[in-house]
C-alpha cells in the first residue's frame, strides 16, 4: 500500500527563514555599507528552493532574516546568480 504525501513548499516551511527581494536602491546602500561588489557577497542560485516563488532573476539581491535565540534577529544578504 502506498500513501501519498502532500508536498511541503520550502518557503512556507517552519525552519526556512524569511527571504525577500530588495530594491536596487537598498542593494546599493548595502554594498556601500559593506564596501563590496555584488559578486563578493555570498551567492544564491536562481533555482534555490527557498526563493522559487519570489520571481527572482540573476542580478537581484536577497535579504534573509533569521531569528536567533542569542542575537534576536540576524540579517544576511545573497546575490542571485544563474546556475
N, C-alpha and C. Protein backbone atom coordinates (compact mmCIF):
# COMPACT_ATOMS: atom_id res chain seq x y z
N UNK A 1 0.84 -1.18 0.00
CA UNK A 1 0.00 0.00 0.00
C UNK A 1 0.88 1.24 0.00
N UNK A 2 0.62 2.14 -0.89
CA UNK A 2 1.38 3.38 -0.95
C UNK A 2 0.52 4.53 -0.45
N UNK A 3 1.17 5.43 0.21
CA UNK A 3 0.45 6.62 0.67
C UNK A 3 1.04 7.83 -0.02
N UNK A 4 0.17 8.75 -0.35
CA UNK A 4 0.63 9.98 -0.98
C UNK A 4 0.92 11.00 0.10
N UNK A 5 2.04 11.65 -0.03
CA UNK A 5 2.40 12.71 0.89
C UNK A 5 2.14 14.04 0.21
N UNK A 6 1.63 14.96 0.96
CA UNK A 6 1.44 16.31 0.41
C UNK A 6 2.80 16.99 0.36
N UNK A 7 3.15 17.55 -0.79
CA UNK A 7 4.46 18.22 -0.86
C UNK A 7 4.46 19.48 0.00
N UNK A 8 5.57 19.70 0.68
CA UNK A 8 5.73 20.89 1.50
C UNK A 8 6.46 21.93 0.67
N UNK A 9 5.87 23.10 0.53
CA UNK A 9 6.55 24.18 -0.19
C UNK A 9 7.66 24.69 0.72
N UNK A 10 8.85 24.72 0.22
CA UNK A 10 10.02 25.07 1.03
C UNK A 10 9.91 26.46 1.65
N UNK A 11 9.49 27.50 0.92
CA UNK A 11 9.41 28.82 1.56
C UNK A 11 8.43 28.89 2.72
N UNK A 12 7.45 27.99 2.75
CA UNK A 12 6.45 28.00 3.81
C UNK A 12 6.85 27.13 5.00
N UNK A 13 7.98 26.44 4.91
CA UNK A 13 8.39 25.54 5.98
C UNK A 13 8.82 26.34 7.21
N UNK A 14 8.63 25.77 8.37
CA UNK A 14 8.92 26.43 9.64
C UNK A 14 10.37 26.86 9.77
N UNK A 15 11.28 26.02 9.32
CA UNK A 15 12.71 26.29 9.52
C UNK A 15 13.36 27.13 8.43
N UNK A 16 12.62 27.53 7.42
CA UNK A 16 13.18 28.35 6.35
C UNK A 16 13.00 29.82 6.74
N UNK A 17 14.10 30.58 6.84
CA UNK A 17 13.97 31.99 7.22
C UNK A 17 13.30 32.81 6.12
N UNK A 18 12.89 34.00 6.48
CA UNK A 18 12.20 34.89 5.54
C UNK A 18 13.18 35.39 4.47
N UNK A 19 12.82 35.19 3.21
CA UNK A 19 13.60 35.67 2.07
C UNK A 19 12.79 36.75 1.36
N UNK A 20 13.43 37.85 0.99
CA UNK A 20 12.73 38.89 0.24
C UNK A 20 13.71 39.59 -0.71
N UNK A 21 13.17 40.03 -1.84
CA UNK A 21 13.98 40.77 -2.81
C UNK A 21 14.07 42.21 -2.34
N UNK A 22 15.25 42.79 -2.39
CA UNK A 22 15.38 44.20 -2.02
C UNK A 22 15.50 45.04 -3.30
N UNK A 23 15.15 46.30 -3.17
CA UNK A 23 15.18 47.20 -4.33
C UNK A 23 16.62 47.52 -4.71
N UNK A 24 16.78 48.07 -5.90
CA UNK A 24 18.13 48.45 -6.36
C UNK A 24 18.75 49.49 -5.44
N UNK A 25 17.92 50.42 -4.95
CA UNK A 25 18.43 51.46 -4.05
C UNK A 25 18.92 50.84 -2.75
N UNK A 26 18.13 49.93 -2.18
CA UNK A 26 18.54 49.25 -0.96
C UNK A 26 19.80 48.42 -1.18
N UNK A 27 19.89 47.78 -2.36
CA UNK A 27 21.07 46.98 -2.69
C UNK A 27 22.32 47.86 -2.74
N UNK A 28 22.20 49.04 -3.34
CA UNK A 28 23.33 49.96 -3.40
C UNK A 28 23.76 50.39 -2.00
N UNK A 29 22.78 50.64 -1.12
CA UNK A 29 23.09 51.03 0.26
C UNK A 29 23.83 49.90 0.99
N UNK A 30 23.41 48.66 0.77
CA UNK A 30 24.07 47.51 1.40
C UNK A 30 25.50 47.40 0.89
N UNK A 31 25.69 47.53 -0.41
CA UNK A 31 27.04 47.42 -0.99
C UNK A 31 27.95 48.53 -0.47
N UNK A 32 27.40 49.73 -0.31
CA UNK A 32 28.17 50.84 0.23
C UNK A 32 28.52 50.58 1.70
N UNK A 33 27.55 50.09 2.45
CA UNK A 33 27.76 49.81 3.87
C UNK A 33 28.88 48.79 4.08
N UNK A 34 28.88 47.72 3.27
CA UNK A 34 29.87 46.68 3.42
C UNK A 34 31.09 46.88 2.52
N UNK A 35 31.09 47.96 1.71
CA UNK A 35 32.20 48.30 0.84
C UNK A 35 32.61 47.10 -0.02
N UNK A 36 31.65 46.58 -0.79
CA UNK A 36 31.94 45.41 -1.62
C UNK A 36 31.16 45.49 -2.93
N UNK A 37 31.48 44.56 -3.82
CA UNK A 37 30.75 44.42 -5.08
C UNK A 37 29.72 43.31 -4.89
N UNK A 38 28.67 43.27 -5.71
CA UNK A 38 27.64 42.24 -5.55
C UNK A 38 28.21 40.81 -5.59
N UNK A 39 29.18 40.59 -6.45
CA UNK A 39 29.74 39.24 -6.60
C UNK A 39 30.61 38.83 -5.42
N UNK A 40 30.93 39.77 -4.54
CA UNK A 40 31.70 39.44 -3.34
C UNK A 40 30.81 38.99 -2.18
N UNK A 41 29.50 39.16 -2.35
CA UNK A 41 28.55 38.65 -1.36
C UNK A 41 28.39 37.15 -1.55
N UNK A 42 27.87 36.45 -0.53
CA UNK A 42 27.55 35.04 -0.75
C UNK A 42 26.53 34.92 -1.87
N UNK A 43 26.64 33.87 -2.66
CA UNK A 43 25.77 33.69 -3.82
C UNK A 43 24.63 32.73 -3.50
N UNK A 44 23.51 32.93 -4.22
CA UNK A 44 22.39 32.00 -4.13
C UNK A 44 21.92 31.75 -5.56
N UNK A 45 21.66 30.50 -5.90
CA UNK A 45 21.24 30.17 -7.26
C UNK A 45 19.78 30.57 -7.48
N UNK A 46 19.48 30.95 -8.71
CA UNK A 46 18.14 31.38 -9.07
C UNK A 46 17.11 30.26 -8.88
N UNK A 47 17.56 29.01 -8.93
CA UNK A 47 16.64 27.89 -8.77
C UNK A 47 16.66 27.31 -7.35
N UNK A 48 17.17 28.04 -6.38
CA UNK A 48 17.18 27.60 -4.99
C UNK A 48 15.73 27.45 -4.51
N UNK A 49 15.39 26.33 -3.89
CA UNK A 49 14.00 26.11 -3.48
C UNK A 49 13.45 27.18 -2.54
N UNK A 50 14.29 27.80 -1.74
CA UNK A 50 13.82 28.81 -0.77
C UNK A 50 13.33 30.09 -1.45
N UNK A 51 13.78 30.36 -2.68
CA UNK A 51 13.40 31.61 -3.35
C UNK A 51 12.59 31.38 -4.63
N UNK A 52 12.15 30.14 -4.84
CA UNK A 52 11.42 29.80 -6.07
C UNK A 52 10.21 30.68 -6.31
N UNK A 53 9.40 30.94 -5.32
CA UNK A 53 8.17 31.67 -5.51
C UNK A 53 8.30 33.18 -5.51
N UNK A 54 9.51 33.70 -5.35
CA UNK A 54 9.70 35.15 -5.27
C UNK A 54 9.78 35.83 -6.64
N UNK A 55 10.03 35.06 -7.67
CA UNK A 55 10.17 35.65 -9.00
C UNK A 55 11.51 36.35 -9.17
N UNK A 56 12.55 35.79 -8.61
CA UNK A 56 13.88 36.40 -8.71
C UNK A 56 14.50 36.13 -10.06
N UNK A 57 15.45 36.98 -10.42
CA UNK A 57 16.22 36.80 -11.65
C UNK A 57 17.68 37.09 -11.32
N UNK A 58 18.59 36.56 -12.11
CA UNK A 58 20.00 36.83 -11.84
C UNK A 58 20.29 38.33 -11.78
N UNK A 59 21.06 38.73 -10.79
CA UNK A 59 21.37 40.14 -10.59
C UNK A 59 20.59 40.75 -9.44
N UNK A 60 19.53 40.07 -8.98
CA UNK A 60 18.78 40.56 -7.82
C UNK A 60 19.57 40.30 -6.55
N UNK A 61 19.19 41.03 -5.51
CA UNK A 61 19.80 40.79 -4.21
C UNK A 61 18.69 40.39 -3.24
N UNK A 62 18.97 39.37 -2.44
CA UNK A 62 18.00 38.81 -1.50
C UNK A 62 18.41 39.17 -0.08
N UNK A 63 17.42 39.56 0.72
CA UNK A 63 17.64 39.81 2.14
C UNK A 63 17.02 38.63 2.90
N UNK A 64 17.82 37.99 3.74
CA UNK A 64 17.36 36.85 4.53
C UNK A 64 17.35 37.27 5.99
N UNK A 65 16.19 37.13 6.62
CA UNK A 65 16.04 37.50 8.03
C UNK A 65 15.85 36.23 8.84
N UNK A 66 16.79 35.96 9.72
CA UNK A 66 16.75 34.75 10.55
C UNK A 66 16.53 35.12 12.01
N UNK A 67 15.72 34.34 12.70
CA UNK A 67 15.55 34.51 14.14
C UNK A 67 16.64 33.73 14.85
N UNK A 68 17.14 34.31 15.93
CA UNK A 68 18.20 33.69 16.70
C UNK A 68 17.88 33.83 18.18
N UNK A 69 18.08 32.77 18.92
CA UNK A 69 17.83 32.81 20.36
C UNK A 69 18.80 33.74 21.07
N UNK A 70 20.01 33.86 20.57
CA UNK A 70 21.02 34.70 21.23
C UNK A 70 21.11 36.10 20.67
N UNK A 71 20.99 36.25 19.35
CA UNK A 71 21.15 37.56 18.73
C UNK A 71 19.82 38.24 18.45
N UNK A 72 18.72 37.54 18.64
CA UNK A 72 17.41 38.13 18.34
C UNK A 72 17.05 37.93 16.89
N UNK A 73 17.62 38.75 16.03
CA UNK A 73 17.34 38.66 14.60
C UNK A 73 18.62 38.96 13.82
N UNK A 74 18.90 38.13 12.85
CA UNK A 74 20.09 38.32 12.02
C UNK A 74 19.68 38.57 10.58
N UNK A 75 20.34 39.52 9.93
CA UNK A 75 20.04 39.84 8.54
C UNK A 75 21.24 39.46 7.68
N UNK A 76 20.97 38.74 6.61
CA UNK A 76 22.01 38.29 5.70
C UNK A 76 21.62 38.66 4.29
N UNK A 77 22.59 38.85 3.42
CA UNK A 77 22.31 39.21 2.03
C UNK A 77 22.95 38.19 1.10
N UNK A 78 22.26 37.92 0.01
CA UNK A 78 22.76 36.99 -1.01
C UNK A 78 22.54 37.62 -2.38
N UNK A 79 23.47 37.35 -3.29
CA UNK A 79 23.39 37.83 -4.66
C UNK A 79 22.93 36.67 -5.53
N UNK A 80 21.88 36.89 -6.32
CA UNK A 80 21.29 35.82 -7.13
C UNK A 80 22.08 35.65 -8.43
N UNK A 81 22.47 34.39 -8.69
CA UNK A 81 23.20 34.06 -9.92
C UNK A 81 22.53 32.91 -10.62
N UNK A 82 22.82 32.77 -11.90
CA UNK A 82 22.30 31.66 -12.69
C UNK A 82 23.17 30.43 -12.48
N UNK A 83 22.58 29.27 -12.63
CA UNK A 83 23.31 28.01 -12.42
C UNK A 83 24.34 27.81 -13.50
